[in-house]
Protein backbone atom coordinates (compact mmCIF):
# COMPACT_ATOMS: atom_id res chain seq x y z
CA MET A 1 8.86 -10.99 -17.35
CA THR A 2 10.33 -9.48 -14.21
CA ARG A 3 12.76 -6.47 -14.80
CA SER A 4 14.94 -4.24 -12.63
CA PHE A 5 14.93 -0.52 -12.00
CA GLN A 6 17.81 1.17 -10.50
CA HIS A 7 16.80 3.56 -7.72
CA SER A 8 19.17 6.25 -6.28
CA GLY A 9 21.96 4.42 -7.64
CA ILE A 10 21.86 1.96 -4.71
CA ARG A 11 18.51 0.01 -4.65
CA LYS A 12 17.35 -2.21 -7.42
CA LEU A 13 13.60 -2.55 -7.60
CA ALA A 14 12.02 -5.64 -9.24
CA TYR A 15 8.91 -4.91 -11.33
CA ASN A 16 6.53 -6.52 -13.95
CA GLN A 17 4.82 -4.21 -16.39
CA ILE A 18 2.37 -4.70 -19.21
CA PHE A 19 1.57 -1.82 -21.64
CA GLY A 20 -1.93 -0.89 -22.69
CA SER A 21 -4.56 1.88 -22.46
CA GLY A 22 -4.78 4.21 -19.60
CA PRO A 23 -5.00 5.48 -17.08
CA GLY A 24 -2.61 2.85 -16.05
CA VAL A 25 -2.86 0.92 -12.71
CA VAL A 26 -0.08 0.45 -10.22
CA PHE A 27 -0.33 -2.00 -7.48
CA LEU A 28 1.32 -1.11 -4.16
CA GLY A 29 1.68 -4.28 -1.77
CA GLY A 30 1.66 -4.57 1.96
CA PHE A 31 4.27 -4.90 4.72
CA ARG A 32 6.52 -7.96 4.00
CA SER A 33 4.30 -8.82 0.99
CA ASP A 34 5.61 -8.81 -2.70
CA LYS A 35 4.42 -8.53 -6.29
CA GLU A 36 3.63 -12.23 -6.59
CA GLY A 37 0.70 -12.10 -4.25
CA ILE A 38 -2.92 -13.10 -5.09
CA LYS A 39 -4.21 -9.64 -5.60
CA ALA A 40 -1.14 -8.37 -7.58
CA LEU A 41 -1.18 -11.41 -10.03
CA HIS A 42 -5.09 -11.30 -10.37
CA LEU A 43 -5.04 -7.77 -11.25
CA GLU A 44 -2.33 -8.29 -13.98
CA THR A 45 -4.56 -10.94 -15.67
CA TRP A 46 -7.47 -8.65 -15.30
CA ALA A 47 -5.39 -5.74 -16.96
CA GLU A 48 -4.22 -8.04 -19.76
CA ARG A 49 -7.78 -9.09 -20.57
CA GLY A 50 -8.82 -5.57 -20.72
CA GLY A 51 -5.85 -4.11 -22.52
CA ARG A 52 -4.87 -2.02 -19.55
CA ALA A 53 -1.50 -0.53 -18.66
CA TYR A 54 -0.42 -2.26 -15.46
CA LEU A 55 2.72 -2.26 -13.04
CA ARG A 56 3.45 -4.15 -9.99
CA PHE A 57 6.81 -4.03 -7.96
CA ASP A 58 8.67 -5.01 -4.96
CA TYR A 59 9.76 -2.30 -2.26
CA SER A 60 13.45 -2.44 -1.37
CA GLY A 61 14.00 -5.34 0.92
CA HIS A 62 10.86 -7.13 -0.31
CA GLY A 63 10.53 -9.97 -2.87
CA GLN A 64 12.98 -9.80 -5.51
CA SER A 65 14.31 -6.33 -4.84
CA SER A 66 17.66 -5.52 -3.40
CA GLY A 67 18.21 -4.58 0.25
CA ASP A 68 17.55 -6.05 3.56
CA PHE A 69 14.06 -5.72 4.74
CA LEU A 70 15.11 -4.77 8.38
CA ASP A 71 17.07 -1.65 7.08
CA GLY A 72 13.88 -0.24 5.50
CA CYS A 73 11.22 1.96 6.74
CA ILE A 74 8.05 3.62 5.42
CA GLY A 75 9.75 6.60 3.93
CA ASP A 76 12.31 4.38 1.91
CA TRP A 77 9.41 2.40 0.51
CA ALA A 78 7.32 5.48 -0.37
CA GLU A 79 10.57 6.80 -2.20
CA ASP A 80 10.61 3.44 -4.07
CA ALA A 81 7.03 3.76 -5.14
CA ALA A 82 7.53 7.39 -6.15
CA ALA A 83 10.53 6.49 -8.15
CA ILE A 84 8.82 3.58 -9.96
CA ILE A 85 5.87 5.62 -10.87
CA ALA A 86 7.70 8.77 -11.90
CA ASN A 87 10.12 6.90 -14.29
CA LEU A 88 8.05 3.85 -15.52
CA THR A 89 4.71 5.21 -16.22
CA GLU A 90 3.13 7.83 -18.51
CA GLY A 91 0.34 10.25 -17.16
CA PRO A 92 -1.72 10.09 -14.10
CA GLN A 93 -2.14 6.50 -12.51
CA ILE A 94 -4.83 4.64 -10.55
CA LEU A 95 -3.03 3.54 -7.47
CA VAL A 96 -4.24 0.32 -5.82
CA GLY A 97 -2.84 0.13 -2.26
CA SER A 98 -3.23 -2.93 -0.10
CA SER A 99 -2.66 -2.57 3.67
CA MET A 100 0.72 -0.66 4.14
CA GLY A 101 0.37 0.09 0.35
CA GLY A 102 -2.72 2.14 1.22
CA TRP A 103 -0.71 4.24 3.48
CA ILE A 104 2.12 4.53 0.67
CA SER A 105 -0.49 5.38 -1.83
CA LEU A 106 -1.77 8.25 0.38
CA LEU A 107 1.76 9.53 0.62
CA ILE A 108 2.11 9.48 -3.26
CA ALA A 109 -1.12 11.28 -3.56
CA ARG A 110 0.02 13.86 -1.22
CA GLU A 111 3.51 14.35 -2.71
CA MET A 112 2.69 13.71 -6.48
CA PRO A 113 -1.03 14.51 -6.93
CA LYS A 114 -0.52 15.13 -10.67
CA LYS A 115 0.41 11.46 -11.15
CA VAL A 116 -2.63 10.30 -9.47
CA ALA A 117 -5.85 9.68 -11.54
CA GLY A 118 -7.64 7.89 -8.80
CA LEU A 119 -7.13 5.76 -5.70
CA VAL A 120 -8.37 2.25 -4.51
CA THR A 121 -7.41 1.12 -1.19
CA ILE A 122 -7.78 -2.48 0.26
CA ALA A 123 -7.63 -2.71 4.04
CA ALA A 124 -5.46 0.45 4.01
CA ALA A 125 -3.29 0.80 7.19
CA PRO A 126 -2.32 4.54 7.30
CA ASP A 127 0.05 5.43 10.32
CA PHE A 128 0.12 1.72 11.42
CA THR A 129 3.51 1.81 12.88
CA GLU A 130 2.28 4.43 15.45
CA ASP A 131 -1.43 3.86 16.03
CA ALA A 132 -1.35 -0.10 15.73
CA PHE A 133 2.14 -1.45 16.53
CA TRP A 134 3.59 1.18 18.89
CA ALA A 135 0.47 1.79 20.68
CA SER A 136 0.00 -1.93 21.24
CA LEU A 137 3.41 -2.31 23.16
CA ASN A 138 3.58 -2.27 26.99
CA ASP A 139 6.18 -0.17 28.57
CA HIS A 140 8.61 -3.02 28.97
CA GLN A 141 8.44 -3.82 25.33
CA LYS A 142 8.76 -0.13 24.23
CA GLN A 143 11.90 0.15 26.39
CA ARG A 144 13.27 -3.06 24.80
CA LEU A 145 12.65 -1.83 21.31
CA LEU A 146 14.45 1.48 22.08
CA SER A 147 17.28 -0.02 23.68
CA GLU A 148 17.93 -3.06 21.53
CA GLY A 149 16.92 -1.49 18.38
CA GLN A 150 14.30 -4.09 17.36
CA ILE A 151 11.62 -6.46 18.69
CA GLU A 152 10.10 -9.82 17.55
CA MET A 153 6.39 -10.18 17.51
CA PRO A 154 4.32 -13.22 16.34
CA SER A 155 2.72 -13.19 13.03
CA ALA A 156 -0.58 -14.61 11.71
CA TYR A 157 1.02 -14.93 8.22
CA SER A 158 4.26 -16.83 8.96
CA GLU A 159 5.76 -19.26 11.30
CA GLU A 160 8.72 -16.83 11.72
CA PRO A 161 8.02 -13.77 13.87
CA TYR A 162 7.98 -10.45 12.34
CA ILE A 163 10.77 -8.06 13.46
CA PHE A 164 9.98 -4.41 14.07
CA THR A 165 12.77 -2.06 14.27
CA ARG A 166 13.27 1.20 16.06
CA ARG A 167 14.00 3.01 12.77
CA LEU A 168 10.64 1.79 11.36
CA ILE A 169 8.87 3.27 14.28
CA GLU A 170 10.84 6.54 14.57
CA GLU A 171 11.01 7.30 10.79
CA GLY A 172 7.44 6.29 10.36
CA ARG A 173 6.39 9.42 12.67
CA LYS A 174 7.71 11.48 9.78
CA GLN A 175 5.28 9.88 7.39
CA LEU A 176 1.87 10.06 9.39
CA VAL A 177 -1.08 11.16 7.12
CA LEU A 178 -3.88 11.26 9.76
CA ARG A 179 -2.51 14.15 11.77
CA SER A 180 -2.63 16.95 9.21
CA PRO A 181 -4.81 17.87 6.08
CA LEU A 182 -5.08 15.12 3.50
CA SER A 183 -6.41 16.30 0.15
CA LEU A 184 -7.64 13.57 -2.29
CA PRO A 185 -8.94 15.60 -5.25
CA PHE A 186 -9.79 12.53 -7.37
CA PRO A 187 -12.03 9.53 -7.16
CA VAL A 188 -11.19 7.29 -4.08
CA ARG A 189 -12.61 3.90 -3.28
CA MET A 190 -11.87 2.33 -0.09
CA LEU A 191 -12.49 -1.27 0.52
CA HIS A 192 -12.47 -2.95 3.93
CA GLY A 193 -13.62 -6.24 5.49
CA THR A 194 -15.50 -6.34 8.84
CA ALA A 195 -13.54 -9.45 9.84
CA ASP A 196 -10.15 -7.84 9.28
CA MET A 197 -8.09 -8.70 12.41
CA ASP A 198 -4.99 -6.68 11.46
CA VAL A 199 -6.53 -3.24 10.50
CA ASP A 200 -9.71 -2.45 12.54
CA VAL A 201 -12.57 -1.06 10.55
CA SER A 202 -12.28 2.08 12.85
CA VAL A 203 -9.14 2.98 10.74
CA ALA A 204 -11.07 2.90 7.49
CA LEU A 205 -13.68 5.22 9.06
CA ARG A 206 -11.14 7.63 10.48
CA LEU A 207 -9.46 7.88 6.93
CA LEU A 208 -12.88 8.57 5.35
CA GLU A 209 -13.72 11.16 8.00
CA HIS A 210 -10.23 12.82 7.75
CA ALA A 211 -9.60 12.94 4.11
CA GLU A 212 -10.83 15.92 2.02
CA GLY A 213 -12.30 15.27 -1.48
CA ASP A 214 -15.63 15.35 -3.39
CA ASP A 215 -15.53 11.60 -4.42
CA LEU A 216 -14.60 9.29 -1.57
CA ASN A 217 -16.54 6.18 -0.94
CA LEU A 218 -15.94 3.40 1.68
CA THR A 219 -17.25 -0.07 1.16
CA LEU A 220 -17.53 -2.42 4.12
CA VAL A 221 -17.62 -5.97 3.28
CA LYS A 222 -19.07 -8.30 5.97
CA GLY A 223 -16.91 -11.21 6.75
CA ALA A 224 -14.05 -10.32 4.58
CA ASP A 225 -10.62 -10.55 6.18
CA HIS A 226 -7.36 -8.59 5.88
CA ARG A 227 -6.24 -10.65 2.81
CA PHE A 228 -9.35 -9.54 0.90
CA SER A 229 -8.44 -12.00 -1.71
CA ASP A 230 -11.47 -14.49 -2.25
CA PRO A 231 -13.26 -14.50 -5.56
CA ASP A 232 -15.71 -11.95 -4.43
CA CYS A 233 -13.22 -9.61 -2.90
CA LEU A 234 -11.13 -9.62 -5.98
CA SER A 235 -14.18 -8.91 -8.21
CA MET A 236 -14.98 -6.08 -5.91
CA ILE A 237 -11.38 -4.70 -6.50
CA GLU A 238 -11.96 -4.89 -10.23
CA GLN A 239 -15.12 -2.99 -9.97
CA ALA A 240 -13.55 -0.39 -7.81
CA ILE A 241 -10.83 0.31 -10.45
CA GLU A 242 -13.43 0.31 -13.26
CA ASP A 243 -15.69 2.87 -11.36
CA VAL A 244 -12.53 5.05 -10.58
CA THR A 245 -11.46 4.81 -14.21
CA VAL A 246 -14.90 6.10 -15.39
CA LYS A 247 -14.90 9.00 -12.90
CA ALA A 248 -11.30 9.83 -13.69
CA VAL A 249 -11.62 10.15 -17.52
């Protein structure tokens, strides 16, 4: 059953939660995705089967949560995740971050390390607003974004174009994690497909090289795309969570 969590007196965040043994698992979705995606629902079934605590939610402006997507930015969505984790979970959690959710999970790990038992990233996209989107624009597009406040770009996932706002880019520069030390003092398992057309494998390699920790592993899956949602990939996510669980306990 979907419930609602009031955040900051303004935003209502939709979430689904099951209770069970720990450490609990929290799924953090990607840019413009929601808690009803294949990976989020698959992991809920997996958690129920194993008696594990599990939480999936929608950032503000996403899915069933309140707010306009175009008003949001990385910092807002990281605040949503932090509030959900702080108020709805007990003890350290295993964060499973997909795409943008991988970036947000790294922000949570940096700001709330005592609430993180371990981390599993799936096609993580840290700093994508700067290194992928802004860097891909030509001078004319950059000027248009700055002057008009937003720009439309085609999407491989929707017939409707994605709209990127000036606030998303400028606020995103305050949330970058690959420019300063990033300590991950818990088990981390990073999964990335070699056929990912949205987040290049080089991003995963850069994150692995940049992060500091004693138990960081990156698995590259030949032929897997950005969705990372076929049966074999879903099984690998389960295995990564189980591996982190063993190491975290």
